[in-house]
């Protein structure tokens, strides 16, 4: 029976290969009932792990993978990602980890590269950003017990660790502020509705309207893609419906919206007020300076790495969750006095 492999033991026990490896190496993260089931199969089969393989299984690569699937085109054009990566790289350097970047431009590329993420010892853990809600990568990482931290909460209650910001509350505060200034036709340029960040910021917008019993006007709502060009197109689509204020779900899209307003001969904030989300450096230098919802982007990157290292060193259970607060930063674009 000595020719049995970890894969065969895993199959007989109904668990993953990495779970068997953890049992063999005495890792504390395995649940007692799972440990007993695996140990029973080992005892019944007479399996003896190879000492060299057992030693290798206990080693770590010292590499953390950052995965940005199907957002390749935005990595070099959206200022959000460089700030996030600065925080991640800073924390990796501080804790002596190497950062490896995985960029998926298409679903086919993701399928080709996913096995490397699931392979033992290729990376010690994975940070995920910009995932569509239906992306199969998360369940695969969970099933293979790869230490994983998501930036942004998952679409459903999965046993995965994540770091997020209070997107719903931030959008609610921004739209409520516009309504409080007297705007009665507040439009929304939304992010992609196949992402949780896009869904949550749109939900905050809807909650603010509901809190003041303002009917939803679908002509004032457009889904976009977090790009400047997308914000420009969305604003052009909304303008014929005569909004007097607009909530834009990212600062990058807000720049495009401002350009569309200028081209239409409209003054901001005299004709229409505008609020963004993120508080990227470009918000303060926009014309006019952009009122926006601030989130701690770089700090989120640092915390994602620190959470992932905790998972690597101390086990995957229980999953860790952290949600950072947001802050509304008032500038000239909404027509109110600045703070």
Protein backbone atom coordinates (compact mmCIF):
# COMPACT_ATOMS: atom_id res chain seq x y z
CA UNK A 1 0.00 0.00 0.00
CA UNK A 2 3.01 2.30 0.23
CA UNK A 3 2.45 3.30 -3.40
CA UNK A 4 -0.70 5.14 -2.39
CA UNK A 5 -0.55 8.87 -3.06
CA UNK A 6 -1.99 11.86 -1.25
CA UNK A 7 -4.46 12.18 -4.12
CA UNK A 8 -5.73 8.61 -3.57
CA UNK A 9 -6.06 9.11 0.19
CA UNK A 10 -7.94 12.36 -0.48
CA UNK A 11 -10.31 10.55 -2.84
CA UNK A 12 -11.02 7.77 -0.34
CA UNK A 13 -11.59 10.28 2.48
CA UNK A 14 -13.70 12.63 0.38
CA UNK A 15 -11.45 15.65 0.98
CA UNK A 16 -8.89 17.67 -0.96
CA UNK A 17 -5.25 16.72 -1.40
CA UNK A 18 -4.18 19.76 0.62
CA UNK A 19 -6.36 18.62 3.54
CA UNK A 20 -4.60 15.24 3.59
CA UNK A 21 -1.26 17.06 3.45
CA UNK A 22 -2.27 19.16 6.44
CA UNK A 23 -3.29 16.08 8.42
CA UNK A 24 -0.04 14.29 7.59
CA UNK A 25 1.98 17.34 8.63
CA UNK A 26 -0.03 18.00 11.81
CA UNK A 27 -1.42 21.36 10.68
CA UNK A 28 -3.81 22.78 13.34
CA UNK A 29 -6.35 24.24 10.87
CA UNK A 30 -8.04 20.90 10.06
CA UNK A 31 -11.39 20.32 11.75
CA UNK A 32 -11.31 17.40 14.25
CA UNK A 33 -13.98 15.35 12.44
CA UNK A 34 -12.15 15.77 9.10
CA UNK A 35 -8.84 14.88 10.73
CA UNK A 36 -10.37 11.69 12.17
CA UNK A 37 -11.82 10.68 8.79
CA UNK A 38 -8.51 11.17 6.99
CA UNK A 39 -6.57 9.40 9.72
CA UNK A 40 -8.95 6.47 9.55
CA UNK A 41 -8.29 6.07 5.82
CA UNK A 42 -4.55 6.32 6.44
CA UNK A 43 -4.74 3.64 9.14
CA UNK A 44 -6.93 1.33 7.06
CA UNK A 45 -4.72 1.56 3.96
CA UNK A 46 -1.42 1.45 5.77
CA UNK A 47 -0.29 4.58 3.94
CA UNK A 48 3.15 5.92 4.91
CA UNK A 49 4.14 9.32 3.53
CA UNK A 50 7.53 9.62 1.88
CA UNK A 51 9.83 11.58 4.27
CA UNK A 52 11.25 13.74 1.47
CA UNK A 53 7.80 14.56 0.15
CA UNK A 54 6.60 15.30 3.67
CA UNK A 55 9.47 17.71 4.19
CA UNK A 56 8.73 19.41 0.89
CA UNK A 57 5.04 19.77 1.78
CA UNK A 58 5.95 21.81 4.84
CA UNK A 59 7.90 24.36 2.85
CA UNK A 60 6.56 27.67 1.60
CA UNK A 61 7.31 29.55 -1.58
CA UNK A 62 7.45 33.02 -0.02
CA UNK A 63 5.26 34.26 -2.89
CA UNK A 64 1.88 36.01 -2.69
CA UNK A 65 -0.23 36.13 -5.84
CA UNK A 66 -2.32 39.19 -6.75
CA UNK A 67 -5.08 38.19 -9.18
CA UNK A 68 -6.92 40.80 -11.25
CA UNK A 69 -9.11 38.77 -13.62
CA UNK A 70 -10.66 40.30 -16.72
CA UNK A 71 -9.68 43.83 -15.72
CA UNK A 72 -6.37 43.98 -17.59
CA UNK A 73 -7.35 47.03 -19.64
CA UNK A 74 -8.11 49.07 -16.49
CA UNK A 75 -4.87 48.28 -14.66
CA UNK A 76 -2.92 50.89 -16.59
CA UNK A 77 -5.67 53.49 -17.02
CA UNK A 78 -7.56 53.54 -13.72
CA UNK A 79 -5.59 55.24 -10.88
CA UNK A 80 -7.33 52.97 -8.35
CA UNK A 81 -5.18 49.94 -9.17
CA UNK A 82 -1.74 51.57 -8.82
CA UNK A 83 -2.70 52.85 -5.35
CA UNK A 84 -4.00 49.43 -4.34
CA UNK A 85 -0.86 47.74 -5.64
CA UNK A 86 1.35 50.23 -3.81
CA UNK A 87 -0.20 49.12 -0.53
CA UNK A 88 0.09 45.44 -1.40
CA UNK A 89 3.72 45.76 -2.55
CA UNK A 90 4.62 47.81 0.53
CA UNK A 91 3.25 45.14 2.87
CA UNK A 92 4.87 42.29 0.91
CA UNK A 93 8.25 44.03 1.18
CA UNK A 94 7.75 44.67 4.90
CA UNK A 95 6.98 41.00 5.56
CA UNK A 96 9.60 39.60 3.15
CA UNK A 97 7.20 38.18 0.60
CA UNK A 98 7.55 38.29 -3.19
CA UNK A 99 4.54 39.68 -5.05
CA UNK A 100 3.48 37.85 -8.22
CA UNK A 101 0.89 39.50 -10.47
CA UNK A 102 -1.68 37.41 -12.38
CA UNK A 103 -3.58 39.32 -15.07
CA UNK A 104 -6.46 37.66 -16.88
CA UNK A 105 -7.63 39.47 -20.00
CA UNK A 106 -10.12 36.82 -21.06
CA UNK A 107 -11.98 33.91 -19.52
CA UNK A 108 -9.83 31.53 -21.57
CA UNK A 109 -6.62 33.01 -20.11
CA UNK A 110 -8.07 32.60 -16.62
CA UNK A 111 -8.75 28.91 -17.25
CA UNK A 112 -5.14 28.39 -18.38
CA UNK A 113 -3.57 30.18 -15.42
CA UNK A 114 -5.90 28.95 -12.67
CA UNK A 115 -4.13 25.57 -12.24
CA UNK A 116 -0.95 27.43 -11.29
CA UNK A 117 -2.79 29.16 -8.49
CA UNK A 118 -4.15 25.84 -7.24
CA UNK A 119 -0.82 24.01 -7.43
CA UNK A 120 0.88 23.24 -4.14
CA UNK A 121 3.83 25.54 -3.38
CA UNK A 122 3.41 27.80 -6.43
CA UNK A 123 2.15 30.59 -4.17
CA UNK A 124 1.58 30.66 -0.43
CA UNK A 125 -1.66 32.61 -0.81
CA UNK A 126 -3.76 34.72 -3.17
CA UNK A 127 -5.30 38.20 -3.09
CA UNK A 128 -8.24 38.68 -5.46
CA UNK A 129 -9.52 41.98 -6.84
CA UNK A 130 -12.16 43.00 -9.42
CA UNK A 131 -13.88 39.63 -9.57
CA UNK A 132 -17.22 39.24 -11.34
CA UNK A 133 -19.89 37.84 -9.02
CA UNK A 134 -20.09 34.58 -11.00
CA UNK A 135 -16.36 33.93 -11.30
CA UNK A 136 -15.62 30.23 -10.61
CA UNK A 137 -12.14 30.94 -9.27
CA UNK A 138 -13.30 31.63 -5.70
CA UNK A 139 -15.00 28.22 -5.17
CA UNK A 140 -11.95 26.50 -6.69
CA UNK A 141 -9.58 28.26 -4.30
CA UNK A 142 -11.85 27.43 -1.35
CA UNK A 143 -12.12 23.78 -2.38
CA UNK A 144 -8.34 23.48 -2.71
CA UNK A 145 -7.80 25.29 0.61
CA UNK A 146 -5.57 27.97 -0.90
CA UNK A 147 -5.21 30.86 1.57
CA UNK A 148 -7.25 33.61 -0.08
CA UNK A 149 -8.26 37.19 0.68
CA UNK A 150 -10.76 39.03 -1.49
CA UNK A 151 -10.71 42.81 -1.84
CA UNK A 152 -14.45 43.33 -1.82
CA UNK A 153 -16.95 40.93 -0.28
CA UNK A 154 -18.18 37.90 -2.22
CA UNK A 155 -21.62 37.78 -3.81
CA UNK A 156 -22.80 35.03 -1.48
CA UNK A 157 -21.94 33.79 1.98
CA UNK A 158 -18.81 31.83 1.07
CA UNK A 159 -16.22 30.71 3.64
CA UNK A 160 -13.61 33.15 2.36
CA UNK A 161 -11.78 36.03 4.01
CA UNK A 162 -12.25 39.53 2.63
CA UNK A 163 -11.52 43.21 3.11
CA UNK A 164 -14.05 45.76 1.95
CA UNK A 165 -15.27 49.33 2.42
CA UNK A 166 -18.78 50.40 3.38
CA UNK A 167 -19.85 51.01 -0.22
CA UNK A 168 -23.57 51.06 0.50
CA UNK A 169 -23.19 53.55 3.36
CA UNK A 170 -20.78 55.72 1.37
CA UNK A 171 -23.11 55.96 -1.63
CA UNK A 172 -26.09 56.57 0.65
CA UNK A 173 -24.31 59.49 2.33
CA UNK A 174 -23.27 61.03 -1.00
CA UNK A 175 -26.75 60.87 -2.56
CA UNK A 176 -28.42 62.01 0.65
CA UNK A 177 -26.13 65.03 0.66
CA UNK A 178 -27.16 65.95 -2.87
CA UNK A 179 -30.81 65.57 -1.95
CA UNK A 180 -30.25 67.71 1.12
CA UNK A 181 -28.89 70.48 -1.10
CA UNK A 182 -32.23 70.59 -2.89
CA UNK A 183 -31.57 68.34 -5.90
CA UNK A 184 -34.76 66.51 -6.85
CA UNK A 185 -33.57 64.65 -9.95
CA UNK A 186 -30.42 62.83 -8.91
CA UNK A 187 -29.03 60.56 -11.62
CA UNK A 188 -26.70 57.60 -11.11
CA UNK A 189 -23.77 56.49 -13.27
CA UNK A 190 -23.32 52.99 -11.87
CA UNK A 191 -20.44 50.56 -11.93
CA UNK A 192 -20.77 47.09 -13.52
CA UNK A 193 -23.71 45.27 -12.00
CA UNK A 194 -21.90 41.93 -12.19
CA UNK A 195 -19.55 43.11 -9.41
CA UNK A 196 -20.37 43.55 -5.74
CA UNK A 197 -18.84 47.03 -5.63
CA UNK A 198 -21.08 48.09 -8.51
CA UNK A 199 -24.15 46.52 -6.91
CA UNK A 200 -23.45 47.95 -3.45
CA UNK A 201 -22.91 51.53 -4.60
CA UNK A 202 -26.10 51.37 -6.66
CA UNK A 203 -27.94 50.00 -3.62
CA UNK A 204 -26.73 52.96 -1.57
CA UNK A 205 -28.16 55.29 -4.23
CA UNK A 206 -31.53 53.49 -4.13
CA UNK A 207 -31.58 53.52 -0.33
CA UNK A 208 -31.05 57.29 -0.28
CA UNK A 209 -33.97 57.85 -2.67
CA UNK A 210 -36.18 55.55 -0.62
CA UNK A 211 -35.27 57.31 2.63
CA UNK A 212 -36.85 60.48 1.22
CA UNK A 213 -39.68 58.68 -0.57
CA UNK A 214 -38.41 59.76 -4.00
CA UNK A 215 -39.66 57.52 -6.84
CA UNK A 216 -37.04 55.65 -8.85
CA UNK A 217 -36.67 57.02 -12.38
CA UNK A 218 -34.96 54.42 -14.56
CA UNK A 219 -34.15 57.04 -17.20
CA UNK A 220 -31.74 58.60 -14.70
CA UNK A 221 -29.77 55.39 -14.12
CA UNK A 222 -27.07 54.02 -16.45
CA UNK A 223 -24.68 51.11 -15.93
CA UNK A 224 -21.07 51.73 -16.95
CA UNK A 225 -17.65 50.11 -16.56
CA UNK A 226 -15.59 52.28 -14.15
CA UNK A 227 -13.67 53.82 -17.07
CA UNK A 228 -13.46 57.52 -17.98
CA UNK A 229 -14.86 56.79 -21.44
CA UNK A 230 -17.71 54.86 -19.86
CA UNK A 231 -18.55 57.77 -17.57
CA UNK A 232 -18.55 60.12 -20.57
CA UNK A 233 -20.95 57.92 -22.55
CA UNK A 234 -23.24 57.36 -19.56
CA UNK A 235 -23.51 61.09 -18.88
CA UNK A 236 -24.41 61.75 -22.51
CA UNK A 237 -27.15 59.15 -22.22
CA UNK A 238 -28.57 60.70 -19.05
CA UNK A 239 -28.47 64.38 -20.05
CA UNK A 240 -31.65 64.40 -22.22
CA UNK A 241 -33.60 63.44 -19.07
CA UNK A 242 -32.57 66.68 -17.32
CA UNK A 243 -31.01 65.66 -14.01
CA UNK A 244 -29.94 68.45 -11.65
CA UNK A 245 -27.40 66.26 -9.85
CA UNK A 246 -25.54 63.00 -10.51
CA UNK A 247 -23.89 60.39 -8.33
CA UNK A 248 -21.03 58.69 -10.19
CA UNK A 249 -19.80 55.39 -8.74
CA UNK A 250 -16.09 56.15 -9.29
CA UNK A 251 -13.88 59.21 -9.65
CA UNK A 252 -12.52 57.94 -12.95
CA UNK A 253 -16.02 57.78 -14.43
CA UNK A 254 -16.75 61.19 -12.88
CA UNK A 255 -13.96 62.73 -14.98
CA UNK A 256 -15.66 61.44 -18.10
CA UNK A 257 -19.00 62.76 -16.86
CA UNK A 258 -17.48 66.22 -16.27
CA UNK A 259 -16.14 66.24 -19.82
CA UNK A 260 -19.58 65.38 -21.22
CA UNK A 261 -21.15 68.20 -19.18
CA UNK A 262 -18.60 70.74 -20.42
CA UNK A 263 -19.18 69.71 -24.02
CA UNK A 264 -22.93 70.14 -23.49
CA UNK A 265 -22.33 73.71 -22.32
CA UNK A 266 -23.46 72.99 -18.76
CA UNK A 267 -21.83 74.51 -15.69
CA UNK A 268 -20.84 72.43 -12.67
CA UNK A 269 -22.22 72.96 -10.09
CA UNK A 270 -24.54 75.79 -11.24
CA UNK A 271 -26.49 73.68 -13.75
CA UNK A 272 -25.79 70.24 -12.34
CA UNK A 273 -24.02 68.99 -9.21
CA UNK A 274 -21.79 65.91 -9.28
CA UNK A 275 -20.30 63.56 -6.67
CA UNK A 276 -17.82 60.75 -7.27
CA UNK A 277 -16.45 57.83 -5.24
CA UNK A 278 -12.86 56.84 -4.23
CA UNK A 279 -11.12 60.21 -3.61
CA UNK A 280 -8.30 59.48 -6.01
CA UNK A 281 -5.67 62.26 -6.38
CA UNK A 282 -7.36 63.37 -9.59
CA UNK A 283 -10.51 64.34 -7.64
CA UNK A 284 -8.84 67.31 -5.93
CA UNK A 285 -7.38 68.62 -9.22
CA UNK A 286 -10.50 68.18 -11.36
CA UNK A 287 -12.24 71.25 -12.78
CA UNK A 288 -14.11 71.95 -10.58
CA UNK A 289 -12.59 69.96 -7.68
CA UNK A 290 -14.70 66.86 -7.18
CA UNK A 291 -16.83 66.11 -4.15
CA UNK A 292 -16.32 62.40 -3.55
CA UNK A 293 -16.51 59.50 -1.12
CA UNK A 294 -13.08 58.69 0.29
CA UNK A 295 -11.94 55.12 0.80
CA UNK A 296 -8.48 54.10 2.13
CA UNK A 297 -7.29 52.34 -1.02
CA UNK A 298 -3.60 51.95 -0.18
CA UNK A 299 -4.37 50.91 3.37
CA UNK A 300 -6.75 48.22 2.07
CA UNK A 301 -3.84 46.75 0.13
CA UNK A 302 -1.68 46.63 3.25
CA UNK A 303 -4.45 45.05 5.31
CA UNK A 304 -5.16 42.46 2.62
CA UNK A 305 -1.55 41.25 2.80
CA UNK A 306 -1.53 41.22 6.60
CA UNK A 307 -4.78 39.25 6.67
CA UNK A 308 -3.42 36.78 4.11
CA UNK A 309 -0.24 36.22 6.14
CA UNK A 310 -2.43 35.51 9.16
CA UNK A 311 -4.28 32.86 7.15
CA UNK A 312 -1.01 31.33 5.91
CA UNK A 313 0.50 31.14 9.39
CA UNK A 314 -2.54 30.40 11.55
CA UNK A 315 -5.02 28.50 9.39
CA UNK A 316 -8.00 29.34 7.20
CA UNK A 317 -10.73 29.07 9.82
CA UNK A 318 -12.55 31.07 10.84
CA UNK A 319 -12.60 33.35 7.77
CA UNK A 320 -11.51 36.92 8.55
CA UNK A 321 -13.68 39.90 7.56
CA UNK A 322 -12.89 43.61 7.74
CA UNK A 323 -14.95 46.56 6.46
CA UNK A 324 -13.42 50.04 6.46
CA UNK A 325 -15.59 53.15 6.83
CA UNK A 326 -15.85 55.81 4.13
CA UNK A 327 -15.85 59.60 4.37
CA UNK A 328 -17.67 62.18 2.24
CA UNK A 329 -15.19 64.86 1.12
CA UNK A 330 -16.96 68.08 0.12
CA UNK A 331 -15.48 70.12 -2.74
CA UNK A 332 -16.85 72.60 -5.28
CA UNK A 333 -18.52 70.16 -7.71
CA UNK A 334 -21.67 69.73 -5.62
CA UNK A 335 -22.31 73.45 -5.06
CA UNK A 336 -21.91 73.36 -1.30
CA UNK A 337 -19.38 75.11 0.87
CA UNK A 338 -16.25 73.03 1.27
CA UNK A 339 -15.23 71.66 4.60
